[in-house]
PDB file of N, CA and C in Angstrom:
ATOM      1  N   MET A   1       5.175  -4.018 -17.513  1.00  0.00           N
ATOM      2  CA  MET A   1       5.272  -3.582 -16.182  1.00  0.00           C
ATOM      3  C   MET A   1       3.924  -3.360 -15.600  1.00  0.00           C
ATOM      4  N   ALA A   2       3.621  -4.017 -14.464  1.00  0.00           N
ATOM      5  CA  ALA A   2       2.283  -4.002 -13.822  1.00  0.00           C
ATOM      6  C   ALA A   2       2.221  -2.888 -12.837  1.00  0.00           C
ATOM      7  N   VAL A   3       1.069  -2.066 -12.740  1.00  0.00           N
ATOM      8  CA  VAL A   3       0.970  -1.122 -11.778  1.00  0.00           C
ATOM      9  C   VAL A   3      -0.492  -1.294 -11.281  1.00  0.00           C
ATOM     10  N   VAL A   4      -0.628  -1.375 -10.007  1.00  0.00           N
ATOM     11  CA  VAL A   4      -1.913  -1.609  -9.271  1.00  0.00           C
ATOM     12  C   VAL A   4      -2.141  -0.405  -8.390  1.00  0.00           C
ATOM     13  N   LYS A   5      -3.280   0.175  -8.418  1.00  0.00           N
ATOM     14  CA  LYS A   5      -3.705   1.254  -7.560  1.00  0.00           C
ATOM     15  C   LYS A   5      -5.025   0.951  -6.841  1.00  0.00           C
ATOM     16  N   ALA A   6      -5.039   1.364  -5.539  1.00  0.00           N
ATOM     17  CA  ALA A   6      -6.258   1.246  -4.804  1.00  0.00           C
ATOM     18  C   ALA A   6      -6.303   2.295  -3.664  1.00  0.00           C
ATOM     19  N   SER A   7      -7.504   2.650  -3.391  1.00  0.00           N
ATOM     20  CA  SER A   7      -7.782   3.631  -2.387  1.00  0.00           C
ATOM     21  C   SER A   7      -8.595   3.001  -1.216  1.00  0.00           C
ATOM     22  N   LEU A   8      -8.255   3.226   0.075  1.00  0.00           N
ATOM     23  CA  LEU A   8      -8.879   2.684   1.191  1.00  0.00           C
ATOM     24  C   LEU A   8      -9.211   3.815   2.221  1.00  0.00           C
ATOM     25  N   LYS A   9     -10.347   3.682   2.868  1.00  0.00           N
ATOM     26  CA  LYS A   9     -10.590   4.594   3.966  1.00  0.00           C
ATOM     27  C   LYS A   9     -10.189   3.811   5.294  1.00  0.00           C
ATOM     28  N   LEU A  10      -9.241   4.353   5.922  1.00  0.00           N
ATOM     29  CA  LEU A  10      -8.620   3.675   7.039  1.00  0.00           C
ATOM     30  C   LEU A  10      -8.576   4.596   8.266  1.00  0.00           C
ATOM     31  N   PHE A  11      -8.505   3.900   9.433  1.00  0.00           N
ATOM     32  CA  PHE A  11      -8.440   4.608  10.754  1.00  0.00           C
ATOM     33  C   PHE A  11      -6.930   4.539  11.375  1.00  0.00           C
ATOM     34  N   GLY A  12      -6.660   5.478  12.106  1.00  0.00           N
ATOM     35  CA  GLY A  12      -5.279   5.476  12.797  1.00  0.00           C
ATOM     36  C   GLY A  12      -5.156   4.185  13.637  1.00  0.00           C
ATOM     37  N   GLY A  13      -4.071   3.452  13.438  1.00  0.00           N
ATOM     38  CA  GLY A  13      -3.880   2.292  14.112  1.00  0.00           C
ATOM     39  C   GLY A  13      -4.029   1.005  13.309  1.00  0.00           C
ATOM     40  N   ASP A  14      -4.748   1.230  12.196  1.00  0.00           N
ATOM     41  CA  ASP A  14      -4.982   0.093  11.265  1.00  0.00           C
ATOM     42  C   ASP A  14      -3.625  -0.297  10.598  1.00  0.00           C
ATOM     43  N   THR A  15      -3.603  -1.531  10.113  1.00  0.00           N
ATOM     44  CA  THR A  15      -2.352  -1.952   9.421  1.00  0.00           C
ATOM     45  C   THR A  15      -2.833  -2.467   7.967  1.00  0.00           C
ATOM     46  N   VAL A  16      -2.161  -1.898   6.958  1.00  0.00           N
ATOM     47  CA  VAL A  16      -2.408  -2.294   5.476  1.00  0.00           C
ATOM     48  C   VAL A  16      -1.386  -3.567   5.312  1.00  0.00           C
ATOM     49  N   VAL A  17      -1.987  -4.579   4.770  1.00  0.00           N
ATOM     50  CA  VAL A  17      -1.189  -5.791   4.462  1.00  0.00           C
ATOM     51  C   VAL A  17      -1.255  -5.946   2.976  1.00  0.00           C
ATOM     52  N   VAL A  18      -0.114  -6.002   2.270  1.00  0.00           N
ATOM     53  CA  VAL A  18       0.093  -6.075   0.874  1.00  0.00           C
ATOM     54  C   VAL A  18       0.815  -7.361   0.466  1.00  0.00           C
ATOM     55  N   ARG A  19       0.442  -8.278  -0.350  1.00  0.00           N
ATOM     56  CA  ARG A  19       1.039  -9.464  -0.647  1.00  0.00           C
ATOM     57  C   ARG A  19       1.164  -9.490  -2.174  1.00  0.00           C
ATOM     58  N   CYS A  20       2.355  -9.886  -2.672  1.00  0.00           N
ATOM     59  CA  CYS A  20       2.614  -9.955  -4.124  1.00  0.00           C
ATOM     60  C   CYS A  20       3.213 -11.300  -4.440  1.00  0.00           C
ATOM     61  N   SER A  21       2.974 -11.820  -5.693  1.00  0.00           N
ATOM     62  CA  SER A  21       3.634 -12.988  -6.082  1.00  0.00           C
ATOM     63  C   SER A  21       5.074 -12.992  -6.363  1.00  0.00           C
ATOM     64  N   GLU A  22       5.643 -11.725  -6.444  1.00  0.00           N
ATOM     65  CA  GLU A  22       7.086 -11.518  -6.551  1.00  0.00           C
ATOM     66  C   GLU A  22       7.377 -10.143  -6.025  1.00  0.00           C
ATOM     67  N   ASN A  23       8.750  -9.919  -5.846  1.00  0.00           N
ATOM     68  CA  ASN A  23       9.244  -8.630  -5.428  1.00  0.00           C
ATOM     69  C   ASN A  23       8.724  -7.494  -6.246  1.00  0.00           C
ATOM     70  N   CYS A  24       8.269  -6.427  -5.472  1.00  0.00           N
ATOM     71  CA  CYS A  24       7.735  -5.239  -6.075  1.00  0.00           C
ATOM     72  C   CYS A  24       8.002  -4.038  -5.211  1.00  0.00           C
ATOM     73  N   HIS A  25       7.557  -2.865  -5.653  1.00  0.00           N
ATOM     74  CA  HIS A  25       7.707  -1.709  -4.841  1.00  0.00           C
ATOM     75  C   HIS A  25       6.230  -1.364  -4.442  1.00  0.00           C
ATOM     76  N   ILE A  26       6.067  -1.076  -3.105  1.00  0.00           N
ATOM     77  CA  ILE A  26       4.889  -0.832  -2.524  1.00  0.00           C
ATOM     78  C   ILE A  26       4.808   0.469  -1.881  1.00  0.00           C
ATOM     79  N   HIS A  27       3.884   1.320  -2.331  1.00  0.00           N
ATOM     80  CA  HIS A  27       3.795   2.661  -1.769  1.00  0.00           C
ATOM     81  C   HIS A  27       2.431   2.972  -1.219  1.00  0.00           C
ATOM     82  N   LEU A  28       2.431   3.691   0.000  1.00  0.00           N
ATOM     83  CA  LEU A  28       1.242   3.963   0.663  1.00  0.00           C
ATOM     84  C   LEU A  28       1.207   5.530   0.880  1.00  0.00           C
ATOM     85  N   MET A  29       0.253   6.189   0.320  1.00  0.00           N
ATOM     86  CA  MET A  29       0.220   7.661   0.428  1.00  0.00           C
ATOM     87  C   MET A  29      -1.139   8.122   0.948  1.00  0.00           C
ATOM     88  N   SER A  30      -0.992   9.134   1.874  1.00  0.00           N
ATOM     89  CA  SER A  30      -2.201   9.866   2.408  1.00  0.00           C
ATOM     90  C   SER A  30      -2.749  10.640   1.296  1.00  0.00           C
ATOM     91  N   ASP A  31      -4.099  10.814   1.397  1.00  0.00           N
ATOM     92  CA  ASP A  31      -4.774  11.509   0.351  1.00  0.00           C
ATOM     93  C   ASP A  31      -5.478  12.776   0.888  1.00  0.00           C
ATOM     94  N   GLY A  32      -4.892  13.515   1.841  1.00  0.00           N
ATOM     95  CA  GLY A  32      -5.517  14.534   2.451  1.00  0.00           C
ATOM     96  C   GLY A  32      -5.052  16.011   2.272  1.00  0.00           C
ATOM     97  N   SER A  33      -3.814  16.096   2.361  1.00  0.00           N
ATOM     98  CA  SER A  33      -3.223  17.475   2.445  1.00  0.00           C
ATOM     99  C   SER A  33      -2.004  17.590   1.457  1.00  0.00           C
ATOM    100  N   SER A  34      -1.577  18.882   1.282  1.00  0.00           N
ATOM    101  CA  SER A  34      -0.380  19.151   0.490  1.00  0.00           C
ATOM    102  C   SER A  34       0.907  18.480   1.094  1.00  0.00           C
ATOM    103  N   ASN A  35       0.880  18.279   2.321  1.00  0.00           N
ATOM    104  CA  ASN A  35       2.044  17.629   3.012  1.00  0.00           C
ATOM    105  C   ASN A  35       1.689  16.074   3.231  1.00  0.00           C
ATOM    106  N   ALA A  36       1.467  15.453   2.084  1.00  0.00           N
ATOM    107  CA  ALA A  36       1.008  14.010   2.203  1.00  0.00           C
ATOM    108  C   ALA A  36       2.210  13.182   2.714  1.00  0.00           C
ATOM    109  N   ASP A  37       1.795  12.288   3.514  1.00  0.00           N
ATOM    110  CA  ASP A  37       2.685  11.241   4.045  1.00  0.00           C
ATOM    111  C   ASP A  37       2.891  10.049   3.030  1.00  0.00           C
ATOM    112  N   ILE A  38       4.143   9.627   2.760  1.00  0.00           N
ATOM    113  CA  ILE A  38       4.352   8.626   1.859  1.00  0.00           C
ATOM    114  C   ILE A  38       5.217   7.505   2.506  1.00  0.00           C
ATOM    115  N   PHE A  39       4.803   6.316   2.545  1.00  0.00           N
ATOM    116  CA  PHE A  39       5.599   5.182   3.115  1.00  0.00           C
ATOM    117  C   PHE A  39       5.872   4.193   1.944  1.00  0.00           C
ATOM    118  N   SER A  40       7.141   3.677   1.899  1.00  0.00           N
ATOM    119  CA  SER A  40       7.509   2.805   0.773  1.00  0.00           C
ATOM    120  C   SER A  40       8.198   1.631   1.222  1.00  0.00           C
ATOM    121  N   VAL A  41       8.029   0.569   0.503  1.00  0.00           N
ATOM    122  CA  VAL A  41       8.814  -0.711   0.729  1.00  0.00           C
ATOM    123  C   VAL A  41       9.300  -1.111  -0.622  1.00  0.00           C
ATOM    124  N   GLU A  42      10.642  -1.244  -0.759  1.00  0.00           N
ATOM    125  CA  GLU A  42      11.241  -1.551  -2.006  1.00  0.00           C
ATOM    126  C   GLU A  42      11.623  -3.082  -2.109  1.00  0.00           C
ATOM    127  N   ASN A  43      11.451  -3.650  -3.226  1.00  0.00           N
ATOM    128  CA  ASN A  43      11.940  -5.036  -3.497  1.00  0.00           C
ATOM    129  C   ASN A  43      11.622  -6.087  -2.427  1.00  0.00           C
ATOM    130  N   GLN A  44      10.229  -6.051  -2.121  1.00  0.00           N
ATOM    131  CA  GLN A  44       9.683  -7.055  -1.214  1.00  0.00           C
ATOM    132  C   GLN A  44       8.448  -7.613  -1.850  1.00  0.00           C
ATOM    133  N   ASP A  45       8.119  -8.891  -1.338  1.00  0.00           N
ATOM    134  CA  ASP A  45       6.877  -9.501  -1.903  1.00  0.00           C
ATOM    135  C   ASP A  45       5.731  -9.333  -0.835  1.00  0.00           C
ATOM    136  N   ASN A  46       6.037  -8.660   0.204  1.00  0.00           N
ATOM    137  CA  ASN A  46       4.853  -8.426   1.122  1.00  0.00           C
ATOM    138  C   ASN A  46       5.224  -7.222   2.041  1.00  0.00           C
ATOM    139  N   ALA A  47       4.272  -6.574   2.569  1.00  0.00           N
ATOM    140  CA  ALA A  47       4.441  -5.434   3.517  1.00  0.00           C
ATOM    141  C   ALA A  47       3.269  -5.354   4.493  1.00  0.00           C
ATOM    142  N   TYR A  48       3.677  -4.863   5.613  1.00  0.00           N
ATOM    143  CA  TYR A  48       2.762  -4.522   6.715  1.00  0.00           C
ATOM    144  C   TYR A  48       3.023  -2.964   7.104  1.00  0.00           C
ATOM    145  N   LEU A  49       2.053  -2.129   6.681  1.00  0.00           N
ATOM    146  CA  LEU A  49       2.206  -0.727   6.955  1.00  0.00           C
ATOM    147  C   LEU A  49       1.184  -0.171   7.922  1.00  0.00           C
ATOM    148  N   ALA A  50       1.752   0.399   9.009  1.00  0.00           N
ATOM    149  CA  ALA A  50       0.880   1.010  10.034  1.00  0.00           C
ATOM    150  C   ALA A  50       0.307   2.336   9.587  1.00  0.00           C
ATOM    151  N   ILE A  51      -1.010   2.611   9.856  1.00  0.00           N
ATOM    152  CA  ILE A  51      -1.480   3.861   9.517  1.00  0.00           C
ATOM    153  C   ILE A  51      -1.539   4.720  10.645  1.00  0.00           C
ATOM    154  N   PRO A  52      -0.932   5.917  10.557  1.00  0.00           N
ATOM    155  CA  PRO A  52      -0.784   6.852  11.699  1.00  0.00           C
ATOM    156  C   PRO A  52      -2.006   7.664  12.091  1.00  0.00           C
ATOM    157  N   TYR A  53      -2.901   7.930  11.013  1.00  0.00           N
ATOM    158  CA  TYR A  53      -4.145   8.723  11.275  1.00  0.00           C
ATOM    159  C   TYR A  53      -5.213   8.345  10.318  1.00  0.00           C
ATOM    160  N   SER A  54      -6.374   8.676  10.725  1.00  0.00           N
ATOM    161  CA  SER A  54      -7.508   8.298   9.818  1.00  0.00           C
ATOM    162  C   SER A  54      -7.621   9.223   8.610  1.00  0.00           C
ATOM    163  N   GLY A  55      -8.159   8.563   7.542  1.00  0.00           N
ATOM    164  CA  GLY A  55      -8.336   9.249   6.248  1.00  0.00           C
ATOM    165  C   GLY A  55      -8.397   8.269   5.048  1.00  0.00           C
ATOM    166  N   ILE A  56      -8.297   8.829   3.892  1.00  0.00           N
ATOM    167  CA  ILE A  56      -8.148   8.070   2.661  1.00  0.00           C
ATOM    168  C   ILE A  56      -6.754   7.846   2.392  1.00  0.00           C
ATOM    169  N   TRP A  57      -6.409   6.597   2.067  1.00  0.00           N
ATOM    170  CA  TRP A  57      -5.054   6.253   1.861  1.00  0.00           C
ATOM    171  C   TRP A  57      -4.921   5.509   0.409  1.00  0.00           C
ATOM    172  N   ARG A  58      -3.966   5.882  -0.402  1.00  0.00           N
ATOM    173  CA  ARG A  58      -3.864   5.231  -1.682  1.00  0.00           C
ATOM    174  C   ARG A  58      -2.598   4.243  -1.583  1.00  0.00           C
ATOM    175  N   VAL A  59      -2.914   3.052  -2.190  1.00  0.00           N
ATOM    176  CA  VAL A  59      -1.856   1.991  -2.242  1.00  0.00           C
ATOM    177  C   VAL A  59      -1.378   1.901  -3.762  1.00  0.00           C
ATOM    178  N   LEU A  60      -0.132   1.896  -4.082  1.00  0.00           N
ATOM    179  CA  LEU A  60       0.393   1.778  -5.410  1.00  0.00           C
ATOM    180  C   LEU A  60       1.399   0.625  -5.318  1.00  0.00           C
ATOM    181  N   ILE A  61       1.209  -0.378  -6.165  1.00  0.00           N
ATOM    182  CA  ILE A  61       2.124  -1.492  -6.295  1.00  0.00           C
ATOM    183  C   ILE A  61       2.649  -1.321  -7.674  1.00  0.00           C
ATOM    184  N   ASP A  62       4.114  -1.338  -7.763  1.00  0.00           N
ATOM    185  CA  ASP A  62       4.758  -1.257  -9.044  1.00  0.00           C
ATOM    186  C   ASP A  62       5.681  -2.523  -9.181  1.00  0.00           C
ATOM    187  N   SER A  63       5.463  -3.240 -10.233  1.00  0.00           N
ATOM    188  CA  SER A  63       6.175  -4.463 -10.511  1.00  0.00           C
ATOM    189  C   SER A  63       6.648  -4.522 -11.900  1.00  0.00           C
ATOM    190  N   HIS A  64       7.662  -5.369 -12.199  1.00  0.00           N
ATOM    191  CA  HIS A  64       8.167  -5.577 -13.503  1.00  0.00           C
ATOM    192  C   HIS A  64       7.441  -6.721 -14.244  1.00  0.00           C
ATOM    193  N   SER A  65       6.641  -7.444 -13.487  1.00  0.00           N
ATOM    194  CA  SER A  65       5.884  -8.592 -14.086  1.00  0.00           C
ATOM    195  C   SER A  65       4.648  -8.107 -14.725  1.00  0.00           C
ATOM    196  N   GLN A  66       4.304  -8.895 -15.809  1.00  0.00           N
ATOM    197  CA  GLN A  66       3.090  -8.628 -16.552  1.00  0.00           C
ATOM    198  C   GLN A  66       1.930  -9.440 -15.970  1.00  0.00           C
ATOM    199  N   SER A  67       2.238 -10.350 -15.124  1.00  0.00           N
ATOM    200  CA  SER A  67       1.223 -11.200 -14.529  1.00  0.00           C
ATOM    201  C   SER A  67       1.302 -11.277 -13.027  1.00  0.00           C
ATOM    202  N   LEU A  68       1.325 -10.109 -12.429  1.00  0.00           N
ATOM    203  CA  LEU A  68       1.430  -9.975 -10.960  1.00  0.00           C
ATOM    204  C   LEU A  68       0.170 -10.445 -10.318  1.00  0.00           C
ATOM    205  N   GLU A  69       0.335 -11.251  -9.306  1.00  0.00           N
ATOM    206  CA  GLU A  69      -0.922 -11.651  -8.403  1.00  0.00           C
ATOM    207  C   GLU A  69      -0.671 -10.891  -7.135  1.00  0.00           C
ATOM    208  N   HIS A  70      -1.706 -10.302  -6.650  1.00  0.00           N
ATOM    209  CA  HIS A  70      -1.509  -9.563  -5.384  1.00  0.00           C
ATOM    210  C   HIS A  70      -2.764  -9.500  -4.570  1.00  0.00           C
ATOM    211  N   SER A  71      -2.667  -9.118  -3.270  1.00  0.00           N
ATOM    212  CA  SER A  71      -3.848  -8.981  -2.427  1.00  0.00           C
ATOM    213  C   SER A  71      -3.544  -7.674  -1.587  1.00  0.00           C
ATOM    214  N   ILE A  72      -4.530  -6.992  -1.374  1.00  0.00           N
ATOM    215  CA  ILE A  72      -4.407  -5.729  -0.421  1.00  0.00           C
ATOM    216  C   ILE A  72      -5.611  -5.924   0.575  1.00  0.00           C
ATOM    217  N   SER A  73      -5.199  -5.913   1.751  1.00  0.00           N
ATOM    218  CA  SER A  73      -6.172  -6.076   2.899  1.00  0.00           C
ATOM    219  C   SER A  73      -5.707  -5.200   4.092  1.00  0.00           C
ATOM    220  N   TYR A  74      -6.516  -5.140   5.018  1.00  0.00           N
ATOM    221  CA  TYR A  74      -5.985  -4.420   6.257  1.00  0.00           C
ATOM    222  C   TYR A  74      -6.637  -5.101   7.482  1.00  0.00           C
ATOM    223  N   VAL A  75      -5.919  -4.813   8.660  1.00  0.00           N
ATOM    224  CA  VAL A  75      -6.291  -5.310   9.952  1.00  0.00           C
ATOM    225  C   VAL A  75      -6.670  -4.168  10.705  1.00  0.00           C
ATOM    226  N   ALA A  76      -7.887  -4.189  11.273  1.00  0.00           N
ATOM    227  CA  ALA A  76      -8.387  -3.059  11.940  1.00  0.00           C
ATOM    228  C   ALA A  76      -7.690  -2.877  13.349  1.00  0.00           C
ATOM    229  N   ALA A  77      -7.532  -1.753  13.756  1.00  0.00           N
ATOM    230  CA  ALA A  77      -6.898  -1.484  15.114  1.00  0.00           C
ATOM    231  C   ALA A  77      -7.734  -1.910  16.260  1.00  0.00           C
TER     232      ALA A  77
END
């Protein structure tokens, strides 16, 4: 099982773009307060997730593949 983790400093209105070579679970979590926001996409090979406010955001990709190819990028607002 492949697990990929990344942290990004993003601004409100940015869009995170995650692409995977196969279906996986993609989670985006704010890293600021005890009431952390979590956005999830299940069983998809790509996701476009809008960032509601500025801060540090963590991306977690969970896949059953041992050889997952992926890319994590963002589009500025």
